[in-house]
Amino acid sequence: MISQGAQYAISAIIAISKHTESGAVSASFLSKSLNCPTAYLSQILAKLKKPGILKSQRGLNGGVYLAKDIDSITMMDVIAAIDGTEFFDKCFMGIEGCGNIEPCPFHHFWSVERKKIQQWLERTTFAEVDEKMTQAWFDLRLQFSSGVPSLS
């Protein structure tokens, strides 16, 4: 339902939030941890700077860091920065002109469900995600995706 870029962005925010005591995290380090090409991840991280989710620092210890607390960054903030919000306005089947007058077979169901999904994404902060995610799961995810040791 979300793009690979949004998936990487969500994983990067989680990884950065777990790495806050060390300051900025380089795109190179994150890309190895997330098993993602550095150039691609750099583009994704740049998209997270404009809406004020991330800030960057140049120099020897340069990289990106959270611009605000994880309890004020929502899942929707990140998805909207990467994928936009058009997903929540369009027909499930992608049919032009689908609406209340000429609905596709999924219109009534999707118009209700997409609103629920959107509201959940708008309410769910990364602090809540962090509370539900164990360190063991996070470490396993990193090891499974890349074979690189955890950020801890």
C-alpha atoms as a PDB file:
ATOM      1  CA  MET A   1       0.000   0.000   0.000  1.00  0.00           C
ATOM      2  CA  ILE A   2       2.947   2.345   0.523  1.00  0.00           C
ATOM      3  CA  SER A   3       5.951   2.687  -1.726  1.00  0.00           C
ATOM      4  CA  GLN A   4       9.316   1.117  -1.052  1.00  0.00           C
ATOM      5  CA  GLY A   5      10.637   4.637  -0.498  1.00  0.00           C
ATOM      6  CA  ALA A   6       8.078   5.230   2.270  1.00  0.00           C
ATOM      7  CA  GLN A   7       9.013   1.873   3.808  1.00  0.00           C
ATOM      8  CA  TYR A   8      12.680   2.902   3.850  1.00  0.00           C
ATOM      9  CA  ALA A   9      11.744   6.313   5.282  1.00  0.00           C
ATOM     10  CA  ILE A  10       9.763   4.718   8.126  1.00  0.00           C
ATOM     11  CA  SER A  11      12.608   2.298   8.867  1.00  0.00           C
ATOM     12  CA  ALA A  12      15.122   5.164   8.752  1.00  0.00           C
ATOM     13  CA  ILE A  13      13.119   7.257  11.234  1.00  0.00           C
ATOM     14  CA  ILE A  14      12.964   4.289  13.599  1.00  0.00           C
ATOM     15  CA  ALA A  15      16.697   3.655  13.213  1.00  0.00           C
ATOM     16  CA  ILE A  16      17.584   7.323  13.699  1.00  0.00           C
ATOM     17  CA  SER A  17      15.378   7.537  16.796  1.00  0.00           C
ATOM     18  CA  LYS A  18      17.258   4.596  18.302  1.00  0.00           C
ATOM     19  CA  HIS A  19      20.563   6.295  17.508  1.00  0.00           C
ATOM     20  CA  THR A  20      19.832   9.748  18.955  1.00  0.00           C
ATOM     21  CA  GLU A  21      22.419   9.685  21.753  1.00  0.00           C
ATOM     22  CA  SER A  22      25.227   9.508  19.190  1.00  0.00           C
ATOM     23  CA  GLY A  23      24.124  12.564  17.218  1.00  0.00           C
ATOM     24  CA  ALA A  24      23.739  12.580  13.453  1.00  0.00           C
ATOM     25  CA  VAL A  25      23.594   9.327  11.507  1.00  0.00           C
ATOM     26  CA  SER A  26      25.148   9.135   8.046  1.00  0.00           C
ATOM     27  CA  ALA A  27      23.116   7.996   5.054  1.00  0.00           C
ATOM     28  CA  SER A  28      25.883   5.502   4.350  1.00  0.00           C
ATOM     29  CA  PHE A  29      25.526   3.913   7.797  1.00  0.00           C
ATOM     30  CA  LEU A  30      21.731   3.852   7.510  1.00  0.00           C
ATOM     31  CA  SER A  31      21.817   2.400   4.013  1.00  0.00           C
ATOM     32  CA  LYS A  32      23.956  -0.508   5.201  1.00  0.00           C
ATOM     33  CA  SER A  33      21.679  -1.090   8.168  1.00  0.00           C
ATOM     34  CA  LEU A  34      18.542  -0.959   6.013  1.00  0.00           C
ATOM     35  CA  ASN A  35      20.043  -2.794   3.021  1.00  0.00           C
ATOM     36  CA  CYS A  36      19.237   0.114   0.723  1.00  0.00           C
ATOM     37  CA  PRO A  37      21.398   1.878  -1.880  1.00  0.00           C
ATOM     38  CA  THR A  38      22.980   4.968  -0.301  1.00  0.00           C
ATOM     39  CA  ALA A  39      22.093   7.297  -3.186  1.00  0.00           C
ATOM     40  CA  TYR A  40      18.437   6.222  -3.062  1.00  0.00           C
ATOM     41  CA  LEU A  41      18.247   6.570   0.713  1.00  0.00           C
ATOM     42  CA  SER A  42      19.887  10.006   0.505  1.00  0.00           C
ATOM     43  CA  GLN A  43      17.081  11.136  -1.823  1.00  0.00           C
ATOM     44  CA  ILE A  44      14.480   9.800   0.601  1.00  0.00           C
ATOM     45  CA  LEU A  45      16.133  11.474   3.577  1.00  0.00           C
ATOM     46  CA  ALA A  46      16.263  14.777   1.669  1.00  0.00           C
ATOM     47  CA  LYS A  47      12.489  14.590   1.200  1.00  0.00           C
ATOM     48  CA  LEU A  48      12.107  14.327   4.991  1.00  0.00           C
ATOM     49  CA  LYS A  49      14.012  17.591   5.569  1.00  0.00           C
ATOM     50  CA  LYS A  50      11.566  19.893   3.777  1.00  0.00           C
ATOM     51  CA  PRO A  51       8.582  19.119   6.074  1.00  0.00           C
ATOM     52  CA  GLY A  52      10.832  19.462   9.143  1.00  0.00           C
ATOM     53  CA  ILE A  53      11.077  15.780  10.079  1.00  0.00           C
ATOM     54  CA  LEU A  54      14.863  15.604   9.713  1.00  0.00           C
ATOM     55  CA  LYS A  55      17.740  18.049   9.836  1.00  0.00           C
ATOM     56  CA  SER A  56      21.219  17.473   8.506  1.00  0.00           C
ATOM     57  CA  GLN A  57      24.692  18.236   9.710  1.00  0.00           C
ATOM     58  CA  ARG A  58      27.752  18.489   7.480  1.00  0.00           C
ATOM     59  CA  GLY A  59      31.280  17.528   8.323  1.00  0.00           C
ATOM     60  CA  LEU A  60      33.198  14.638   9.794  1.00  0.00           C
ATOM     61  CA  ASN A  61      30.376  13.573  12.110  1.00  0.00           C
ATOM     62  CA  GLY A  62      27.716  14.650   9.637  1.00  0.00           C
ATOM     63  CA  GLY A  63      24.483  12.995   8.767  1.00  0.00           C
ATOM     64  CA  VAL A  64      20.821  13.365   9.605  1.00  0.00           C
ATOM     65  CA  TYR A  65      19.001  13.618  12.897  1.00  0.00           C
ATOM     66  CA  LEU A  66      15.412  14.094  14.006  1.00  0.00           C
ATOM     67  CA  ALA A  67      14.260  17.703  13.808  1.00  0.00           C
ATOM     68  CA  LYS A  68      11.667  17.099  16.528  1.00  0.00           C
ATOM     69  CA  ASP A  69      10.732  14.522  19.137  1.00  0.00           C
ATOM     70  CA  ILE A  70       9.442  11.189  17.868  1.00  0.00           C
ATOM     71  CA  ASP A  71       6.221  11.739  19.803  1.00  0.00           C
ATOM     72  CA  SER A  72       5.374  14.575  17.407  1.00  0.00           C
ATOM     73  CA  ILE A  73       6.227  12.764  14.149  1.00  0.00           C
ATOM     74  CA  THR A  74       3.323  10.747  12.779  1.00  0.00           C
ATOM     75  CA  MET A  75       3.334   7.932  10.286  1.00  0.00           C
ATOM     76  CA  MET A  76       1.303  10.196   7.984  1.00  0.00           C
ATOM     77  CA  ASP A  77       3.966  12.915   8.173  1.00  0.00           C
ATOM     78  CA  VAL A  78       6.513  10.505   6.724  1.00  0.00           C
ATOM     79  CA  ILE A  79       4.238   8.834   4.171  1.00  0.00           C
ATOM     80  CA  ALA A  80       2.961  12.203   2.936  1.00  0.00           C
ATOM     81  CA  ALA A  81       6.542  13.497   2.566  1.00  0.00           C
ATOM     82  CA  ILE A  82       7.521  10.525   0.412  1.00  0.00           C
ATOM     83  CA  ASP A  83       4.346   9.375  -1.372  1.00  0.00           C
ATOM     84  CA  GLY A  84       2.032  12.364  -1.024  1.00  0.00           C
ATOM     85  CA  THR A  85      -1.591  12.014   0.059  1.00  0.00           C
ATOM     86  CA  GLU A  86      -3.242  11.311  -3.294  1.00  0.00           C
ATOM     87  CA  PHE A  87      -3.715   7.691  -2.232  1.00  0.00           C
ATOM     88  CA  PHE A  88      -6.449   8.863   0.144  1.00  0.00           C
ATOM     89  CA  ASP A  89      -8.336  10.743  -2.571  1.00  0.00           C
ATOM     90  CA  LYS A  90      -8.267   8.254  -5.423  1.00  0.00           C
ATOM     91  CA  CYS A  91     -10.380   5.308  -6.431  1.00  0.00           C
ATOM     92  CA  PHE A  92      -9.138   1.967  -5.129  1.00  0.00           C
ATOM     93  CA  MET A  93      -9.108   0.668  -8.719  1.00  0.00           C
ATOM     94  CA  GLY A  94      -7.649   3.886 -10.148  1.00  0.00           C
ATOM     95  CA  ILE A  95     -10.767   4.522 -12.234  1.00  0.00           C
ATOM     96  CA  GLU A  96     -11.118   8.143 -13.362  1.00  0.00           C
ATOM     97  CA  GLY A  97     -14.527   9.578 -12.558  1.00  0.00           C
ATOM     98  CA  CYS A  98     -15.295   7.073  -9.818  1.00  0.00           C
ATOM     99  CA  GLY A  99     -17.434   8.755  -7.170  1.00  0.00           C
ATOM    100  CA  ASN A 100     -20.828   8.736  -5.532  1.00  0.00           C
ATOM    101  CA  ILE A 101     -22.620   9.263  -8.858  1.00  0.00           C
ATOM    102  CA  GLU A 102     -20.672   6.636 -10.834  1.00  0.00           C
ATOM    103  CA  PRO A 103     -19.094   4.354  -8.198  1.00  0.00           C
ATOM    104  CA  CYS A 104     -16.835   1.433  -8.985  1.00  0.00           C
ATOM    105  CA  PRO A 105     -17.622  -1.855  -7.175  1.00  0.00           C
ATOM    106  CA  PHE A 106     -15.193  -0.930  -4.357  1.00  0.00           C
ATOM    107  CA  HIS A 107     -16.135   2.751  -3.960  1.00  0.00           C
ATOM    108  CA  HIS A 108     -18.385   2.594  -0.907  1.00  0.00           C
ATOM    109  CA  PHE A 109     -16.142   0.179   0.986  1.00  0.00           C
ATOM    110  CA  TRP A 110     -12.930   2.036   0.099  1.00  0.00           C
ATOM    111  CA  SER A 111     -14.276   5.508   0.893  1.00  0.00           C
ATOM    112  CA  VAL A 112     -14.928   4.366   4.482  1.00  0.00           C
ATOM    113  CA  GLU A 113     -11.791   2.252   4.945  1.00  0.00           C
ATOM    114  CA  ARG A 114      -9.321   4.744   3.477  1.00  0.00           C
ATOM    115  CA  LYS A 115     -10.600   7.356   5.936  1.00  0.00           C
ATOM    116  CA  LYS A 116      -9.954   4.934   8.830  1.00  0.00           C
ATOM    117  CA  ILE A 117      -6.456   4.201   7.543  1.00  0.00           C
ATOM    118  CA  GLN A 118      -5.718   7.901   7.068  1.00  0.00           C
ATOM    119  CA  GLN A 119      -6.924   8.738  10.578  1.00  0.00           C
ATOM    120  CA  TRP A 120      -4.833   5.914  12.079  1.00  0.00           C
ATOM    121  CA  LEU A 121      -1.721   7.131  10.245  1.00  0.00           C
ATOM    122  CA  GLU A 122      -2.385  10.723  11.382  1.00  0.00           C
ATOM    123  CA  ARG A 123      -2.773   9.640  15.036  1.00  0.00           C
ATOM    124  CA  THR A 124       0.072   7.131  15.229  1.00  0.00           C
ATOM    125  CA  THR A 125       3.374   8.666  16.267  1.00  0.00           C
ATOM    126  CA  PHE A 126       6.785   7.086  16.048  1.00  0.00           C
ATOM    127  CA  ALA A 127       6.891   7.112  19.856  1.00  0.00           C
ATOM    128  CA  GLU A 128       3.902   4.744  19.805  1.00  0.00           C
ATOM    129  CA  VAL A 129       5.590   2.562  17.200  1.00  0.00           C
ATOM    130  CA  ASP A 130       8.738   2.511  19.336  1.00  0.00           C
ATOM    131  CA  GLU A 131       6.741   1.445  22.406  1.00  0.00           C
ATOM    132  CA  LYS A 132       5.277  -1.525  20.521  1.00  0.00           C
ATOM    133  CA  MET A 133       8.549  -2.586  18.930  1.00  0.00           C
ATOM    134  CA  THR A 134      10.937  -4.610  21.000  1.00  0.00           C
ATOM    135  CA  GLN A 135      14.673  -4.144  20.610  1.00  0.00           C
ATOM    136  CA  ALA A 136      14.921  -7.840  19.726  1.00  0.00           C
ATOM    137  CA  TRP A 137      12.495  -7.333  16.813  1.00  0.00           C
ATOM    138  CA  PHE A 138      14.383  -4.267  15.622  1.00  0.00           C
ATOM    139  CA  ASP A 139      17.733  -6.069  15.800  1.00  0.00           C
ATOM    140  CA  LEU A 140      16.266  -9.062  13.964  1.00  0.00           C
ATOM    141  CA  ARG A 141      14.859  -6.823  11.236  1.00  0.00           C
ATOM    142  CA  LEU A 142      18.237  -5.211  10.670  1.00  0.00           C
ATOM    143  CA  GLN A 143      20.078  -8.524  10.705  1.00  0.00           C
ATOM    144  CA  PHE A 144      17.515 -10.136   8.400  1.00  0.00           C
ATOM    145  CA  SER A 145      17.618  -7.290   5.900  1.00  0.00           C
ATOM    146  CA  SER A 146      21.347  -6.755   5.806  1.00  0.00           C
ATOM    147  CA  GLY A 147      23.380  -8.981   8.040  1.00  0.00           C
ATOM    148  CA  VAL A 148      24.711  -5.809   9.690  1.00  0.00           C
ATOM    149  CA  PRO A 149      24.742  -5.674  13.487  1.00  0.00           C
ATOM    150  CA  SER A 150      22.171  -3.515  15.230  1.00  0.00           C
ATOM    151  CA  LEU A 151      22.612   0.194  15.935  1.00  0.00           C
ATOM    152  CA  SER A 152      22.869  -0.506  19.683  1.00  0.00           C
END
